[in-house]
C-alpha atoms as a PDB file:
ATOM      1  CA  MET A   1       0.000   0.000   0.000  1.00  0.00           C
ATOM      2  CA  THR A   2       1.313   3.470  -0.840  1.00  0.00           C
ATOM      3  CA  TYR A   3       0.691   6.676   1.080  1.00  0.00           C
ATOM      4  CA  PRO A   4       0.708  10.190  -0.251  1.00  0.00           C
ATOM      5  CA  ASN A   5       3.775  12.132   0.642  1.00  0.00           C
ATOM      6  CA  ALA A   6       3.603  15.325   2.754  1.00  0.00           C
ATOM      7  CA  ASP A   7       3.582  17.667  -0.228  1.00  0.00           C
ATOM      8  CA  THR A   8       0.664  15.895  -1.867  1.00  0.00           C
ATOM      9  CA  ALA A   9      -1.292  15.858   1.383  1.00  0.00           C
ATOM     10  CA  ASP A  10      -0.773  19.595   1.799  1.00  0.00           C
ATOM     11  CA  LEU A  11      -1.949  20.284  -1.731  1.00  0.00           C
ATOM     12  CA  ASN A  12      -5.067  18.196  -1.211  1.00  0.00           C
ATOM     13  CA  THR A  13      -5.784  20.047   2.012  1.00  0.00           C
ATOM     14  CA  VAL A  14      -5.372  23.441   0.318  1.00  0.00           C
ATOM     15  CA  GLY A  15      -7.589  22.301  -2.544  1.00  0.00           C
ATOM     16  CA  VAL A  16     -10.422  21.256  -0.246  1.00  0.00           C
ATOM     17  CA  ALA A  17     -10.102  24.455   1.792  1.00  0.00           C
ATOM     18  CA  GLY A  18     -10.145  26.500  -1.406  1.00  0.00           C
ATOM     19  CA  LEU A  19     -13.276  24.784  -2.620  1.00  0.00           C
ATOM     20  CA  LEU A  20     -14.951  25.393   0.739  1.00  0.00           C
ATOM     21  CA  ARG A  21     -14.010  29.084   0.631  1.00  0.00           C
ATOM     22  CA  GLN A  22     -15.285  29.431  -2.951  1.00  0.00           C
ATOM     23  CA  SER A  23     -18.542  27.739  -1.984  1.00  0.00           C
ATOM     24  CA  HIS A  24     -18.913  30.073   1.008  1.00  0.00           C
ATOM     25  CA  ASN A  25     -18.140  33.164  -1.079  1.00  0.00           C
ATOM     26  CA  SER A  26     -20.567  32.038  -3.789  1.00  0.00           C
ATOM     27  CA  ALA A  27     -23.345  31.604  -1.211  1.00  0.00           C
ATOM     28  CA  ALA A  28     -22.510  35.020   0.252  1.00  0.00           C
ATOM     29  CA  LEU A  29     -22.751  36.596  -3.202  1.00  0.00           C
ATOM     30  CA  GLN A  30     -26.000  34.825  -3.998  1.00  0.00           C
ATOM     31  CA  LYS A  31     -27.704  36.373  -0.976  1.00  0.00           C
ATOM     32  CA  PRO A  32     -27.288  40.030  -2.067  1.00  0.00           C
ATOM     33  CA  ARG A  33     -28.199  39.109  -5.629  1.00  0.00           C
ATOM     34  CA  SER A  34     -31.387  37.416  -4.484  1.00  0.00           C
ATOM     35  CA  LEU A  35     -32.255  40.427  -2.305  1.00  0.00           C
ATOM     36  CA  GLN A  36     -31.579  42.796  -5.202  1.00  0.00           C
ATOM     37  CA  LYS A  37     -33.757  40.698  -7.502  1.00  0.00           C
ATOM     38  CA  PHE A  38     -36.550  40.690  -4.922  1.00  0.00           C
ATOM     39  CA  ALA A  39     -36.222  44.467  -4.424  1.00  0.00           C
ATOM     40  CA  ASN A  40     -36.430  45.117  -8.168  1.00  0.00           C
ATOM     41  CA  ALA A  41     -39.496  42.893  -8.519  1.00  0.00           C
ATOM     42  CA  ALA A  42     -41.166  44.468  -5.476  1.00  0.00           C
ATOM     43  CA  LEU A  43     -40.655  48.018  -6.736  1.00  0.00           C
ATOM     44  CA  LYS A  44     -41.838  47.142 -10.240  1.00  0.00           C
ATOM     45  CA  SER A  45     -44.931  45.387  -8.872  1.00  0.00           C
ATOM     46  CA  ALA A  46     -45.726  48.303  -6.549  1.00  0.00           C
ATOM     47  CA  ALA A  47     -45.495  50.758  -9.462  1.00  0.00           C
ATOM     48  CA  GLY A  48     -47.739  48.526 -11.568  1.00  0.00           C
ATOM     49  CA  PHE A  49     -50.230  48.270  -8.707  1.00  0.00           C
ATOM     50  CA  TRP A  50     -50.316  52.079  -8.435  1.00  0.00           C
ATOM     51  CA  PHE A  51     -50.928  52.465 -12.158  1.00  0.00           C
ATOM     52  CA  ILE A  52     -53.781  49.948 -12.239  1.00  0.00           C
ATOM     53  CA  VAL A  53     -55.585  51.595  -9.313  1.00  0.00           C
ATOM     54  CA  ALA A  54     -55.013  55.081 -10.743  1.00  0.00           C
ATOM     55  CA  ALA A  55     -56.219  53.961 -14.184  1.00  0.00           C
ATOM     56  CA  ILE A  56     -59.455  52.559 -12.741  1.00  0.00           C
ATOM     57  CA  GLY A  57     -60.091  55.747 -10.784  1.00  0.00           C
ATOM     58  CA  GLN A  58     -59.357  58.041 -13.714  1.00  0.00           C
ATOM     59  CA  LEU A  59     -61.493  56.036 -16.117  1.00  0.00           C
ATOM     60  CA  VAL A  60     -64.428  56.206 -13.686  1.00  0.00           C
ATOM     61  CA  PHE A  61     -63.913  59.978 -13.519  1.00  0.00           C
ATOM     62  CA  ALA A  62     -63.820  60.234 -17.330  1.00  0.00           C
ATOM     63  CA  LEU A  63     -66.935  58.093 -17.644  1.00  0.00           C
ATOM     64  CA  TYR A  64     -68.705  60.320 -15.121  1.00  0.00           C
ATOM     65  CA  ILE A  65     -67.862  63.414 -17.187  1.00  0.00           C
ATOM     66  CA  VAL A  66     -69.127  61.831 -20.400  1.00  0.00           C
ATOM     67  CA  VAL A  67     -72.322  60.360 -18.929  1.00  0.00           C
ATOM     68  CA  PHE A  68     -73.404  63.108 -16.552  1.00  0.00           C
ATOM     69  CA  TYR A  69     -72.428  66.228 -18.503  1.00  0.00           C
ATOM     70  CA  GLY A  70     -73.181  64.689 -21.883  1.00  0.00           C
ATOM     71  CA  ARG A  71     -76.615  63.433 -20.865  1.00  0.00           C
ATOM     72  CA  THR A  72     -77.477  66.681 -19.086  1.00  0.00           C
ATOM     73  CA  ALA A  73     -76.466  68.743 -22.119  1.00  0.00           C
ATOM     74  CA  MET A  74     -78.450  66.481 -24.485  1.00  0.00           C
ATOM     75  CA  HIS A  75     -81.577  67.055 -22.396  1.00  0.00           C
ATOM     76  CA  GLY A  76     -80.946  70.799 -22.340  1.00  0.00           C
ATOM     77  CA  ASN A  77     -80.943  70.845 -18.546  1.00  0.00           C
ATOM     78  CA  TRP A  78     -78.178  73.437 -18.407  1.00  0.00           C
ATOM     79  CA  LYS A  79     -78.779  74.603 -14.858  1.00  0.00           C
ATOM     80  CA  ALA A  80     -78.215  71.081 -13.543  1.00  0.00           C
ATOM     81  CA  LEU A  81     -74.604  71.362 -14.697  1.00  0.00           C
ATOM     82  CA  ASN A  82     -73.938  74.001 -12.064  1.00  0.00           C
ATOM     83  CA  LYS A  83     -74.743  71.554  -9.262  1.00  0.00           C
ATOM     84  CA  ALA A  84     -71.635  69.549 -10.107  1.00  0.00           C
ATOM     85  CA  MET A  85     -69.460  72.328 -11.549  1.00  0.00           C
ATOM     86  CA  PRO A  86     -70.143  75.880 -10.314  1.00  0.00           C
ATOM     87  CA  HIS A  87     -70.649  78.374 -13.149  1.00  0.00           C
ATOM     88  CA  ALA A  88     -70.456  75.621 -15.768  1.00  0.00           C
ATOM     89  CA  TYR A  89     -73.354  77.323 -17.516  1.00  0.00           C
ATOM     90  CA  VAL A  90     -74.096  81.047 -17.337  1.00  0.00           C
ATOM     91  CA  PRO A  91     -77.084  82.315 -19.371  1.00  0.00           C
ATOM     92  CA  GLY A  92     -75.996  84.795 -22.014  1.00  0.00           C
ATOM     93  CA  ASP A  93     -72.275  84.062 -21.698  1.00  0.00           C
ATOM     94  CA  THR A  94     -71.804  82.112 -24.920  1.00  0.00           C
ATOM     95  CA  LEU A  95     -67.999  82.295 -24.958  1.00  0.00           C
ATOM     96  CA  GLY A  96     -67.736  81.200 -21.339  1.00  0.00           C
ATOM     97  CA  ASN A  97     -70.155  78.321 -21.892  1.00  0.00           C
ATOM     98  CA  VAL A  98     -68.166  77.131 -24.916  1.00  0.00           C
ATOM     99  CA  VAL A  99     -64.944  77.332 -22.898  1.00  0.00           C
ATOM    100  CA  SER A 100     -66.528  75.211 -20.140  1.00  0.00           C
ATOM    101  CA  ALA A 101     -67.633  72.606 -22.682  1.00  0.00           C
ATOM    102  CA  ILE A 102     -64.162  72.514 -24.249  1.00  0.00           C
ATOM    103  CA  HIS A 103     -62.611  72.166 -20.803  1.00  0.00           C
ATOM    104  CA  LEU A 104     -64.740  69.101 -20.034  1.00  0.00           C
ATOM    105  CA  LEU A 105     -64.039  67.535 -23.440  1.00  0.00           C
ATOM    106  CA  LEU A 106     -60.306  68.091 -23.074  1.00  0.00           C
ATOM    107  CA  ALA A 107     -60.414  66.506 -19.610  1.00  0.00           C
ATOM    108  CA  VAL A 108     -61.724  63.263 -21.092  1.00  0.00           C
ATOM    109  CA  VAL A 109     -59.200  63.313 -23.953  1.00  0.00           C
ATOM    110  CA  ILE A 110     -56.248  63.928 -21.654  1.00  0.00           C
ATOM    111  CA  ILE A 111     -57.290  61.277 -19.130  1.00  0.00           C
ATOM    112  CA  VAL A 112     -57.681  58.520 -21.714  1.00  0.00           C
ATOM    113  CA  GLY A 113     -54.692  59.642 -23.781  1.00  0.00           C
ATOM    114  CA  GLY A 114     -52.422  59.847 -20.752  1.00  0.00           C
ATOM    115  CA  LEU A 115     -53.264  56.354 -19.559  1.00  0.00           C
ATOM    116  CA  ILE A 116     -52.611  54.933 -23.026  1.00  0.00           C
ATOM    117  CA  GLN A 117     -49.223  56.667 -23.173  1.00  0.00           C
ATOM    118  CA  LEU A 118     -48.092  55.054 -19.929  1.00  0.00           C
ATOM    119  CA  ILE A 119     -48.818  51.502 -21.083  1.00  0.00           C
ATOM    120  CA  PRO A 120     -45.402  50.060 -22.095  1.00  0.00           C
ATOM    121  CA  GLN A 121     -46.939  47.774 -24.717  1.00  0.00           C
ATOM    122  CA  THR A 122     -48.241  50.809 -26.606  1.00  0.00           C
ATOM    123  CA  ARG A 123     -44.739  52.200 -26.970  1.00  0.00           C
ATOM    124  CA  GLU A 124     -43.222  48.828 -27.834  1.00  0.00           C
ATOM    125  CA  ARG A 125     -45.831  47.394 -30.207  1.00  0.00           C
ATOM    126  CA  ALA A 126     -47.304  50.552 -31.735  1.00  0.00           C
ATOM    127  CA  PRO A 127     -44.550  53.212 -31.717  1.00  0.00           C
ATOM    128  CA  SER A 128     -46.221  55.272 -34.433  1.00  0.00           C
ATOM    129  CA  PHE A 129     -49.490  55.433 -32.482  1.00  0.00           C
ATOM    130  CA  HIS A 130     -47.513  56.245 -29.330  1.00  0.00           C
ATOM    131  CA  ARG A 131     -45.901  59.231 -31.072  1.00  0.00           C
ATOM    132  CA  TRP A 132     -49.148  60.604 -32.479  1.00  0.00           C
ATOM    133  CA  ASN A 133     -51.056  60.046 -29.259  1.00  0.00           C
ATOM    134  CA  GLY A 134     -48.227  61.822 -27.441  1.00  0.00           C
ATOM    135  CA  ARG A 135     -48.529  64.836 -29.750  1.00  0.00           C
ATOM    136  CA  VAL A 136     -52.281  65.009 -29.159  1.00  0.00           C
ATOM    137  CA  TYR A 137     -51.694  64.617 -25.423  1.00  0.00           C
ATOM    138  CA  ILE A 138     -49.177  67.466 -25.260  1.00  0.00           C
ATOM    139  CA  LEU A 139     -51.362  69.697 -27.450  1.00  0.00           C
ATOM    140  CA  THR A 140     -54.302  68.971 -25.152  1.00  0.00           C
ATOM    141  CA  ALA A 141     -52.144  69.751 -22.123  1.00  0.00           C
ATOM    142  CA  PHE A 142     -51.308  73.176 -23.575  1.00  0.00           C
ATOM    143  CA  ALA A 143     -54.970  73.828 -24.362  1.00  0.00           C
ATOM    144  CA  ILE A 144     -56.246  72.792 -20.950  1.00  0.00           C
ATOM    145  CA  SER A 145     -53.629  75.014 -19.310  1.00  0.00           C
ATOM    146  CA  ILE A 146     -55.171  77.992 -21.106  1.00  0.00           C
ATOM    147  CA  VAL A 147     -58.839  77.071 -20.891  1.00  0.00           C
ATOM    148  CA  GLY A 148     -58.733  76.097 -17.207  1.00  0.00           C
ATOM    149  CA  PRO A 149     -57.284  79.332 -15.801  1.00  0.00           C
ATOM    150  CA  TYR A 150     -59.488  81.389 -18.145  1.00  0.00           C
ATOM    151  CA  ALA A 151     -62.616  79.763 -16.753  1.00  0.00           C
ATOM    152  CA  LEU A 152     -61.243  80.026 -13.209  1.00  0.00           C
ATOM    153  CA  TRP A 153     -60.441  83.727 -13.236  1.00  0.00           C
ATOM    154  CA  SER A 154     -63.160  84.969 -15.598  1.00  0.00           C
ATOM    155  CA  ARG A 155     -66.084  83.057 -14.104  1.00  0.00           C
ATOM    156  CA  GLY A 156     -64.907  82.201 -10.644  1.00  0.00           C
ATOM    157  CA  THR A 157     -65.489  78.972  -8.795  1.00  0.00           C
ATOM    158  CA  VAL A 158     -65.630  77.603  -5.275  1.00  0.00           C
ATOM    159  CA  GLY A 159     -62.702  78.173  -2.947  1.00  0.00           C
ATOM    160  CA  ASP A 160     -60.600  81.176  -2.041  1.00  0.00           C
ATOM    161  CA  LEU A 161     -57.683  83.061  -3.581  1.00  0.00           C
ATOM    162  CA  SER A 162     -55.076  80.611  -2.303  1.00  0.00           C
ATOM    163  CA  GLN A 163     -56.798  77.722  -4.086  1.00  0.00           C
ATOM    164  CA  HIS A 164     -57.062  79.746  -7.294  1.00  0.00           C
ATOM    165  CA  ILE A 165     -53.346  80.557  -7.150  1.00  0.00           C
ATOM    166  CA  ALA A 166     -52.563  76.876  -6.559  1.00  0.00           C
ATOM    167  CA  SER A 167     -54.622  75.873  -9.596  1.00  0.00           C
ATOM    168  CA  SER A 168     -52.912  78.526 -11.731  1.00  0.00           C
ATOM    169  CA  LEU A 169     -49.501  77.241 -10.633  1.00  0.00           C
ATOM    170  CA  ASN A 170     -50.688  73.757 -11.584  1.00  0.00           C
ATOM    171  CA  ALA A 171     -51.371  75.060 -15.106  1.00  0.00           C
ATOM    172  CA  VAL A 172     -47.880  76.591 -15.282  1.00  0.00           C
ATOM    173  CA  LEU A 173     -46.317  73.266 -14.270  1.00  0.00           C
ATOM    174  CA  ILE A 174     -48.363  71.456 -16.920  1.00  0.00           C
ATOM    175  CA  VAL A 175     -46.930  73.755 -19.601  1.00  0.00           C
ATOM    176  CA  LEU A 176     -43.396  73.354 -18.240  1.00  0.00           C
ATOM    177  CA  CYS A 177     -43.571  69.558 -18.133  1.00  0.00           C
ATOM    178  CA  ALA A 178     -45.176  69.404 -21.578  1.00  0.00           C
ATOM    179  CA  VAL A 179     -42.415  71.577 -23.076  1.00  0.00           C
ATOM    180  CA  MET A 180     -39.681  69.493 -21.474  1.00  0.00           C
ATOM    181  CA  ALA A 181     -41.257  66.184 -22.504  1.00  0.00           C
ATOM    182  CA  LEU A 182     -41.571  67.423 -26.095  1.00  0.00           C
ATOM    183  CA  ARG A 183     -38.045  68.837 -26.112  1.00  0.00           C
ATOM    184  CA  TYR A 184     -36.398  65.566 -25.086  1.00  0.00           C
ATOM    185  CA  ALA A 185     -38.600  63.518 -27.400  1.00  0.00           C
ATOM    186  CA  ILE A 186     -37.457  65.643 -30.348  1.00  0.00           C
ATOM    187  CA  ALA A 187     -33.843  65.293 -29.172  1.00  0.00           C
ATOM    188  CA  ARG A 188     -34.418  61.508 -28.998  1.00  0.00           C
ATOM    189  CA  LYS A 189     -33.258  61.432 -25.385  1.00  0.00           C
ATOM    190  CA  PHE A 190     -36.036  59.037 -24.507  1.00  0.00           C
ATOM    191  CA  SER A 191     -34.921  58.189 -20.985  1.00  0.00           C
ATOM    192  CA  ILE A 192     -35.187  61.844 -19.927  1.00  0.00           C
ATOM    193  CA  HIS A 193     -38.323  62.269 -22.049  1.00  0.00           C
ATOM    194  CA  ARG A 194     -40.080  59.494 -20.104  1.00  0.00           C
ATOM    195  CA  ARG A 195     -39.263  61.174 -16.801  1.00  0.00           C
ATOM    196  CA  TRP A 196     -40.850  64.423 -17.943  1.00  0.00           C
ATOM    197  CA  ALA A 197     -43.796  62.536 -19.430  1.00  0.00           C
ATOM    198  CA  LEU A 198     -44.434  60.958 -16.015  1.00  0.00           C
ATOM    199  CA  ARG A 199     -44.248  64.380 -14.358  1.00  0.00           C
ATOM    200  CA  LEU A 200     -46.658  65.729 -16.967  1.00  0.00           C
ATOM    201  CA  PHE A 201     -49.117  62.916 -16.295  1.00  0.00           C
ATOM    202  CA  LEU A 202     -49.088  63.691 -12.556  1.00  0.00           C
ATOM    203  CA  VAL A 203     -49.557  67.461 -12.829  1.00  0.00           C
ATOM    204  CA  VAL A 204     -52.279  66.996 -15.453  1.00  0.00           C
ATOM    205  CA  SER A 205     -54.016  64.736 -12.927  1.00  0.00           C
ATOM    206  CA  GLY A 206     -53.981  67.447 -10.265  1.00  0.00           C
ATOM    207  CA  VAL A 207     -57.746  68.008 -10.304  1.00  0.00           C
ATOM    208  CA  TRP A 208     -58.330  64.279  -9.987  1.00  0.00           C
ATOM    209  CA  PHE A 209     -55.804  63.963  -7.133  1.00  0.00           C
ATOM    210  CA  PHE A 210     -57.559  66.831  -5.349  1.00  0.00           C
ATOM    211  CA  ARG A 211     -60.902  65.040  -5.387  1.00  0.00           C
ATOM    212  CA  VAL A 212     -59.515  61.660  -4.414  1.00  0.00           C
ATOM    213  CA  GLY A 213     -57.257  63.026  -1.686  1.00  0.00           C
ATOM    214  CA  LEU A 214     -59.983  65.202  -0.209  1.00  0.00           C
ATOM    215  CA  MET A 215     -62.412  62.289  -0.086  1.00  0.00           C
ATOM    216  CA  LEU A 216     -59.770  60.142   1.632  1.00  0.00           C
ATOM    217  CA  TRP A 217     -59.305  62.917   4.225  1.00  0.00           C
ATOM    218  CA  ILE A 218     -63.050  63.110   4.871  1.00  0.00           C
ATOM    219  CA  ALA A 219     -63.298  59.325   5.148  1.00  0.00           C
ATOM    220  CA  LEU A 220     -60.396  59.082   7.607  1.00  0.00           C
ATOM    221  CA  ASN A 221     -61.765  61.894   9.780  1.00  0.00           C
ATOM    222  CA  LYS A 222     -65.412  60.835   9.362  1.00  0.00           C
ATOM    223  CA  GLY A 223     -66.312  64.324   8.254  1.00  0.00           C
ATOM    224  CA  PRO A 224     -64.957  67.611   6.844  1.00  0.00           C
ATOM    225  CA  VAL A 225     -62.225  68.458   9.345  1.00  0.00           C
ATOM    226  CA  GLY A 226     -60.098  71.546   8.782  1.00  0.00           C
ATOM    227  CA  PHE A 227     -62.365  73.257   6.274  1.00  0.00           C
ATOM    228  CA  ASN A 228     -65.876  74.588   5.802  1.00  0.00           C
ATOM    229  CA  MET A 229     -68.023  72.621   3.362  1.00  0.00           C
ATOM    230  CA  LYS A 230     -70.369  75.553   2.667  1.00  0.00           C
ATOM    231  CA  THR A 231     -67.698  78.117   1.799  1.00  0.00           C
ATOM    232  CA  PHE A 232     -65.234  75.447   0.686  1.00  0.00           C
ATOM    233  CA  THR A 233     -62.378  77.234   2.421  1.00  0.00           C
ATOM    234  CA  GLY A 234     -59.993  76.314   5.205  1.00  0.00           C
ATOM    235  CA  PRO A 235     -56.351  75.383   5.883  1.00  0.00           C
ATOM    236  CA  VAL A 236     -56.742  71.774   4.733  1.00  0.00           C
ATOM    237  CA  LEU A 237     -58.065  72.872   1.340  1.00  0.00           C
ATOM    238  CA  THR A 238     -55.321  75.492   0.963  1.00  0.00           C
ATOM    239  CA  ILE A 239     -52.606  72.953   1.746  1.00  0.00           C
ATOM    240  CA  TRP A 240     -54.075  70.243  -0.456  1.00  0.00           C
ATOM    241  CA  ALA A 241     -54.636  72.688  -3.334  1.00  0.00           C
ATOM    242  CA  PHE A 242     -50.841  72.805  -3.633  1.00  0.00           C
ATOM    243  CA  GLY A 243     -50.290  69.261  -2.381  1.00  0.00           C
ATOM    244  CA  LYS A 244     -52.441  67.726  -5.121  1.00  0.00           C
ATOM    245  CA  TYR A 245     -49.487  68.012  -7.527  1.00  0.00           C
ATOM    246  CA  LEU A 246     -46.482  68.679  -5.258  1.00  0.00           C
ATOM    247  CA  LEU A 247     -46.962  65.448  -3.282  1.00  0.00           C
ATOM    248  CA  PRO A 248     -47.275  63.186  -6.365  1.00  0.00           C
ATOM    249  CA  LEU A 249     -44.221  64.877  -7.899  1.00  0.00           C
ATOM    250  CA  ALA A 250     -42.218  64.320  -4.720  1.00  0.00           C
ATOM    251  CA  VAL A 251     -43.212  60.654  -4.581  1.00  0.00           C
ATOM    252  CA  LEU A 252     -42.257  60.237  -8.243  1.00  0.00           C
ATOM    253  CA  GLU A 253     -38.795  61.700  -7.627  1.00  0.00           C
ATOM    254  CA  LEU A 254     -38.242  59.334  -4.703  1.00  0.00           C
ATOM    255  CA  TYR A 255     -39.398  56.420  -6.856  1.00  0.00           C
ATOM    256  CA  LEU A 256     -37.053  57.338  -9.722  1.00  0.00           C
ATOM    257  CA  ARG A 257     -34.094  57.674  -7.354  1.00  0.00           C
ATOM    258  CA  ALA A 258     -34.898  54.347  -5.729  1.00  0.00           C
ATOM    259  CA  ARG A 259     -35.314  52.622  -9.093  1.00  0.00           C
ATOM    260  CA  ASP A 260     -32.158  54.010 -10.691  1.00  0.00           C
ATOM    261  CA  ARG A 261     -29.608  54.452  -7.901  1.00  0.00           C
ATOM    262  CA  ALA A 262     -30.701  53.052  -4.555  1.00  0.00           C
ATOM    263  CA  GLY A 263     -29.761  49.721  -3.020  1.00  0.00           C
ATOM    264  CA  ALA A 264     -32.103  46.850  -2.260  1.00  0.00           C
ATOM    265  CA  PRO A 265     -33.280  48.071   1.195  1.00  0.00           C
ATOM    266  CA  ALA A 266     -34.224  51.505  -0.178  1.00  0.00           C
ATOM    267  CA  ARG A 267     -36.083  49.928  -3.109  1.00  0.00           C
ATOM    268  CA  ILE A 268     -38.039  47.673  -0.797  1.00  0.00           C
ATOM    269  CA  ALA A 269     -38.885  50.651   1.441  1.00  0.00           C
ATOM    270  CA  MET A 270     -40.060  52.604  -1.599  1.00  0.00           C
ATOM    271  CA  ALA A 271     -42.172  49.655  -2.747  1.00  0.00           C
ATOM    272  CA  VAL A 272     -43.858  49.459   0.674  1.00  0.00           C
ATOM    273  CA  ALA A 273     -44.488  53.228   0.656  1.00  0.00           C
ATOM    274  CA  LEU A 274     -46.009  53.014  -2.833  1.00  0.00           C
ATOM    275  CA  VAL A 275     -48.343  50.205  -1.788  1.00  0.00           C
ATOM    276  CA  VAL A 276     -49.505  52.164   1.278  1.00  0.00           C
ATOM    277  CA  LEU A 277     -50.099  55.313  -0.792  1.00  0.00           C
ATOM    278  CA  THR A 278     -51.905  53.279  -3.442  1.00  0.00           C
ATOM    279  CA  LEU A 279     -54.216  51.746  -0.861  1.00  0.00           C
ATOM    280  CA  GLY A 280     -55.021  55.212   0.456  1.00  0.00           C
ATOM    281  CA  MET A 281     -55.667  56.415  -3.082  1.00  0.00           C
ATOM    282  CA  GLY A 282     -57.897  53.409  -3.650  1.00  0.00           C
ATOM    283  CA  VAL A 283     -59.985  54.276  -0.609  1.00  0.00           C
ATOM    284  CA  GLY A 284     -60.404  57.833  -1.882  1.00  0.00           C
ATOM    285  CA  ILE A 285     -61.421  56.556  -5.324  1.00  0.00           C
ATOM    286  CA  ALA A 286     -63.923  54.077  -3.871  1.00  0.00           C
ATOM    287  CA  VAL A 287     -65.549  56.615  -1.547  1.00  0.00           C
ATOM    288  CA  PHE A 288     -65.771  59.336  -4.191  1.00  0.00           C
ATOM    289  CA  SER A 289     -67.199  56.847  -6.705  1.00  0.00           C
ATOM    290  CA  ILE A 290     -69.864  55.657  -4.275  1.00  0.00           C
ATOM    291  CA  VAL A 291     -70.765  59.117  -2.959  1.00  0.00           C
ATOM    292  CA  TRP A 292     -70.575  61.185  -6.129  1.00  0.00           C
ATOM    293  CA  TRP A 293     -69.474  59.732  -9.479  1.00  0.00           C
ATOM    294  CA  LEU A 294     -71.636  56.607  -9.704  1.00  0.00           C
ATOM    295  CA  PRO A 295     -74.881  58.185  -8.379  1.00  0.00           C
ATOM    296  CA  HIS A 296     -74.627  60.924 -11.006  1.00  0.00           C
ATOM    297  CA  MET A 297     -74.355  58.337 -13.771  1.00  0.00           C
ATOM    298  CA  LYS A 298     -77.655  56.647 -12.942  1.00  0.00           C
END
């Protein structure tokens, strides 16, 4: 019987130890990679969940506009419009009435068009349609930024000066985001273009966010806390008049940073925050639909 000499034994020992170390290092590397993969999937799923809930809520809002205002106008019951939208119809003010009608029509176009633009399959499978729909969307954004403030300041509406200023600033941000989205699309810098397109979608949705957020506030507090329902004024309304677009923009920036540069823990934290915010948004959508949108479509 032969025995390995000392040198051979040492080599075998080193070889086994090396294999053990490599196995340990490989397992250690697999753990971060698995966590990173989970974080990426969690953040992507949370963003998709937000979009689905937002799409449902915005489509219900668009359907409400078409059914309620369209049906009311077809029956010539013009005064009934003012119950849902103050000063929507003013006898003798033909220009103002036309502007109000255009404003409502543009709202439907921009809601549906915006949702279509954010569907990745549209961009991937129908790039030509995506481009033309984007042009219509941006053109509509410009138009609504002119029509909205005109109706606001020429006819007046509910709320106080602070809310009117907030809405006017919203219109300015819509124009800014539309210009930037168009600029980077023309320059074919599509990564930056998509960021501005997302910002545009959020500021365009300011009116919708205001309704949904306000209804969530009322539901959580079991009543109108912090503002007067009759005068529609108060600190909560003033804050939320600006918050309706500043908060979504802030959340978007945090999401983009987490998606592009943050580590796994930050991405998971952002995913959890998005889910919580989405659930809150869903409650606001459900309550507003039950209390206001759906009853007016019957």
